[in-house]
């Protein structure tokens, strides 16, 4: 029965021994001599918190940028305010800009960025509650995933972090 489940789940399985997703990522980063930085808006530092729960994470985790509002995205990450205005702070484009800027400013191998609206309010039709964009940047560029999550604020933030970590895990496993 277990083999059939593993066959169906395939690359969705990240641990067979109960390791957390962040521990699995840490091991992959350490083995590849790679580093990670994060840029967070919607999760407000929660992603960095998860990564640093792993003992020894300072081997690969450089730090993070919590850029919760528009001004911080501009002043800390150097994102052009006109682009934020054009696309909206909750957008594929801004997520990509955040990831690329964080990676370049830190010198990290990989950067994860999360922007979104965790709710409960809406930011208009472009960003209803639960809208999340996650970007992953490396030397080859950035890729972005968009999801619309349902549930309360804490649940949306948890799902956003899980999505970001899983996106990185899949990238690291491809390059292992």
Protein backbone atom coordinates (compact mmCIF):
# COMPACT_ATOMS: atom_id res chain seq x y z
CA UNK A 1 0.00 0.00 0.00
CA UNK A 2 2.81 2.44 0.91
CA UNK A 3 4.55 1.92 -2.42
CA UNK A 4 1.33 2.68 -4.30
CA UNK A 5 0.87 5.90 -2.36
CA UNK A 6 4.49 6.92 -3.01
CA UNK A 7 4.02 6.20 -6.70
CA UNK A 8 0.96 8.44 -6.88
CA UNK A 9 2.47 11.26 -4.79
CA UNK A 10 5.86 11.12 -6.55
CA UNK A 11 7.78 14.39 -6.08
CA UNK A 12 5.23 15.71 -3.58
CA UNK A 13 6.95 13.58 -0.94
CA UNK A 14 9.82 15.46 0.64
CA UNK A 15 10.55 13.24 3.64
CA UNK A 16 10.19 9.61 4.54
CA UNK A 17 11.64 10.03 8.03
CA UNK A 18 9.55 12.86 9.40
CA UNK A 19 11.96 15.72 8.66
CA UNK A 20 10.37 19.12 8.27
CA UNK A 21 10.37 20.80 4.89
CA UNK A 22 12.74 23.46 6.17
CA UNK A 23 15.16 20.79 7.44
CA UNK A 24 15.09 19.02 4.07
CA UNK A 25 15.82 22.33 2.32
CA UNK A 26 18.62 23.09 4.75
CA UNK A 27 20.25 19.76 4.01
CA UNK A 28 19.98 20.35 0.25
CA UNK A 29 21.40 23.87 0.52
CA UNK A 30 24.28 22.67 2.70
CA UNK A 31 25.13 19.80 0.32
CA UNK A 32 25.14 22.18 -2.65
CA UNK A 33 27.13 24.85 -0.80
CA UNK A 34 24.31 27.26 -1.62
CA UNK A 35 22.84 30.16 0.32
CA UNK A 36 19.35 31.56 0.77
CA UNK A 37 17.85 34.99 1.44
CA UNK A 38 14.17 35.86 1.75
CA UNK A 39 12.11 38.97 0.98
CA UNK A 40 8.75 38.91 2.68
CA UNK A 41 5.71 41.08 2.60
CA UNK A 42 2.52 39.08 3.28
CA UNK A 43 4.22 36.63 5.66
CA UNK A 44 5.87 39.36 7.73
CA UNK A 45 9.00 37.41 8.63
CA UNK A 46 7.31 34.03 9.08
CA UNK A 47 9.33 32.40 6.31
CA UNK A 48 12.64 33.45 7.88
CA UNK A 49 11.33 32.17 11.21
CA UNK A 50 10.66 28.74 9.73
CA UNK A 51 14.06 28.53 8.03
CA UNK A 52 15.90 29.49 11.23
CA UNK A 53 14.12 26.82 13.29
CA UNK A 54 16.64 24.36 11.84
CA UNK A 55 19.80 24.05 13.96
CA UNK A 56 22.82 25.19 11.96
CA UNK A 57 20.75 27.23 9.50
CA UNK A 58 23.36 29.98 9.66
CA UNK A 59 25.46 27.73 7.40
CA UNK A 60 23.20 28.62 4.47
CA UNK A 61 20.67 31.27 5.53
CA UNK A 62 21.98 34.80 5.03
CA UNK A 63 18.93 36.67 6.33
CA UNK A 64 15.85 38.39 5.12
CA UNK A 65 14.10 41.57 4.17
CA UNK A 66 10.68 42.17 5.72
CA UNK A 67 9.25 44.77 3.37
CA UNK A 68 5.69 44.89 4.52
CA UNK A 69 4.65 48.12 2.86
CA UNK A 70 5.31 49.87 -0.43
CA UNK A 71 7.84 52.34 1.02
CA UNK A 72 10.03 49.54 2.34
CA UNK A 73 9.99 47.75 -1.01
CA UNK A 74 11.31 50.96 -2.55
CA UNK A 75 13.83 52.05 0.10
CA UNK A 76 15.16 48.67 1.24
CA UNK A 77 15.03 46.61 -1.96
CA UNK A 78 15.34 49.48 -4.42
CA UNK A 79 12.24 48.59 -6.42
CA UNK A 80 11.06 51.38 -8.68
CA UNK A 81 7.91 52.88 -7.16
CA UNK A 82 6.49 53.42 -10.65
CA UNK A 83 6.59 49.65 -11.24
CA UNK A 84 4.81 48.98 -7.95
CA UNK A 85 2.18 51.52 -8.99
CA UNK A 86 1.88 50.01 -12.45
CA UNK A 87 1.52 46.37 -11.40
CA UNK A 88 0.32 46.70 -7.83
CA UNK A 89 2.24 45.60 -4.72
CA UNK A 90 0.51 42.21 -4.89
CA UNK A 91 1.55 41.03 -8.34
CA UNK A 92 3.72 38.59 -10.24
CA UNK A 93 5.97 41.41 -11.36
CA UNK A 94 6.60 42.80 -7.87
CA UNK A 95 7.25 39.31 -6.47
CA UNK A 96 9.88 38.79 -9.17
CA UNK A 97 11.43 42.20 -8.54
CA UNK A 98 11.58 41.47 -4.80
CA UNK A 99 13.33 38.12 -5.30
CA UNK A 100 15.86 39.47 -7.79
CA UNK A 101 16.63 42.52 -5.63
CA UNK A 102 17.07 40.45 -2.46
CA UNK A 103 19.41 38.02 -4.21
CA UNK A 104 21.51 40.79 -5.73
CA UNK A 105 21.72 42.83 -2.51
CA UNK A 106 22.71 39.81 -0.41
CA UNK A 107 24.83 37.80 -2.82
CA UNK A 108 22.80 34.68 -2.02
CA UNK A 109 22.54 31.76 -4.40
CA UNK A 110 18.76 31.70 -4.06
CA UNK A 111 16.13 34.23 -3.00
CA UNK A 112 12.53 33.55 -2.11
CA UNK A 113 10.03 36.41 -2.13
CA UNK A 114 6.43 36.45 -0.98
CA UNK A 115 3.92 39.18 -1.61
CA UNK A 116 0.19 38.95 -1.24
CA UNK A 117 -2.94 39.76 0.68
CA UNK A 118 -3.41 37.47 3.68
CA UNK A 119 -6.76 39.06 4.45
CA UNK A 120 -9.28 39.42 5.79
CA UNK A 121 -9.80 42.62 3.77
CA UNK A 122 -9.46 42.95 0.05
CA UNK A 123 -7.07 45.15 -1.90
CA UNK A 124 -9.53 45.48 -4.74
CA UNK A 125 -10.13 43.19 -7.70
CA UNK A 126 -6.41 42.65 -8.40
CA UNK A 127 -5.68 41.27 -4.92
CA UNK A 128 -8.61 39.76 -3.06
CA UNK A 129 -7.93 38.18 0.33
CA UNK A 130 -5.86 35.02 -0.06
CA UNK A 131 -3.94 36.18 -3.15
CA UNK A 132 -0.29 35.12 -2.91
CA UNK A 133 2.66 35.40 -5.29
CA UNK A 134 5.90 33.54 -4.54
CA UNK A 135 9.07 34.15 -6.54
CA UNK A 136 12.28 32.17 -6.57
CA UNK A 137 15.38 33.80 -8.04
CA UNK A 138 18.80 32.39 -8.85
CA UNK A 139 21.54 33.29 -11.30
CA UNK A 140 19.37 32.13 -14.22
CA UNK A 141 16.51 34.50 -13.34
CA UNK A 142 13.27 34.23 -11.44
CA UNK A 143 10.09 32.20 -11.62
CA UNK A 144 6.81 33.08 -9.95
CA UNK A 145 3.86 31.03 -8.75
CA UNK A 146 0.43 32.53 -8.00
CA UNK A 147 -2.15 30.93 -5.73
CA UNK A 148 -5.50 31.95 -4.33
CA UNK A 149 -5.83 30.48 -0.83
CA UNK A 150 -8.95 30.33 1.30
CA UNK A 151 -9.14 30.53 5.04
CA UNK A 152 -8.19 32.94 7.77
CA UNK A 153 -5.11 35.13 7.81
CA UNK A 154 -2.92 32.65 9.71
CA UNK A 155 -3.82 29.84 7.32
CA UNK A 156 -3.06 31.93 4.22
CA UNK A 157 0.32 32.94 5.65
CA UNK A 158 1.13 29.31 6.54
CA UNK A 159 0.20 28.12 3.05
CA UNK A 160 2.29 30.90 1.47
CA UNK A 161 5.36 29.85 3.45
CA UNK A 162 4.82 26.18 2.62
CA UNK A 163 4.44 27.01 -1.06
CA UNK A 164 7.67 29.05 -1.04
CA UNK A 165 9.67 26.35 0.71
CA UNK A 166 8.33 23.64 -1.57
CA UNK A 167 9.18 25.72 -4.63
CA UNK A 168 12.77 25.96 -3.40
CA UNK A 169 12.90 22.25 -2.52
CA UNK A 170 11.86 21.26 -6.01
CA UNK A 171 14.48 23.55 -7.56
CA UNK A 172 17.21 22.21 -5.28
CA UNK A 173 16.30 18.60 -6.02
CA UNK A 174 16.54 19.25 -9.75
CA UNK A 175 20.06 20.59 -9.35
CA UNK A 176 21.24 17.97 -6.84
